[in-house]
């Protein structure tokens, strides 16, 4: 059985991480699809933990 969970690649560049975090926060504020929100929330948590 395949794992359909998206993989989050955390960039080493802090500026790039900040840009992605900004984009994910925007998406969370505007997404209406709960599945998309879950994916973006999980990615955001992983990126913030890498700081």
Protein backbone atom coordinates (compact mmCIF):
# COMPACT_ATOMS: atom_id res chain seq x y z
CA UNK A 1 0.00 0.00 0.00
CA UNK A 2 1.37 3.42 -0.94
CA UNK A 3 1.66 6.30 1.47
CA UNK A 4 -0.34 9.20 0.01
CA UNK A 5 0.88 11.64 2.64
CA UNK A 6 2.79 14.57 1.10
CA UNK A 7 6.45 14.96 1.99
CA UNK A 8 7.68 18.30 3.28
CA UNK A 9 11.21 19.24 2.27
CA UNK A 10 12.58 21.90 4.62
CA UNK A 11 14.93 24.27 2.82
CA UNK A 12 18.19 25.05 4.63
CA UNK A 13 18.01 28.71 3.58
CA UNK A 14 16.18 30.64 6.34
CA UNK A 15 14.92 33.22 3.82
CA UNK A 16 13.35 30.51 1.67
CA UNK A 17 11.76 28.91 4.76
CA UNK A 18 10.29 32.28 5.75
CA UNK A 19 8.83 32.74 2.26
CA UNK A 20 7.20 29.30 2.35
CA UNK A 21 5.85 29.89 5.87
CA UNK A 22 4.33 33.19 4.71
CA UNK A 23 2.69 31.45 1.73
CA UNK A 24 1.32 28.61 3.87
CA UNK A 25 -0.12 31.04 6.42
CA UNK A 26 -1.86 32.85 3.57
CA UNK A 27 -3.23 29.57 2.22
CA UNK A 28 -4.54 28.56 5.64
CA UNK A 29 -6.37 31.86 5.94
CA UNK A 30 -8.00 31.40 2.54
CA UNK A 31 -8.47 27.65 2.00
CA UNK A 32 -11.99 26.30 2.16
CA UNK A 33 -11.13 22.64 1.57
CA UNK A 34 -10.45 20.96 4.91
CA UNK A 35 -8.09 18.35 3.40
CA UNK A 36 -5.94 21.14 1.91
CA UNK A 37 -5.97 22.95 5.25
CA UNK A 38 -4.73 19.81 7.03
CA UNK A 39 -1.87 19.41 4.54
CA UNK A 40 -0.86 23.07 4.77
CA UNK A 41 -1.10 23.05 8.57
CA UNK A 42 1.17 19.99 8.82
CA UNK A 43 3.71 21.54 6.44
CA UNK A 44 3.65 24.81 8.36
CA UNK A 45 4.26 23.04 11.67
CA UNK A 46 7.25 21.16 10.23
CA UNK A 47 8.76 24.33 8.76
CA UNK A 48 8.30 26.32 11.97
CA UNK A 49 9.88 23.50 14.00
CA UNK A 50 12.97 23.64 11.76
CA UNK A 51 13.78 27.24 12.74
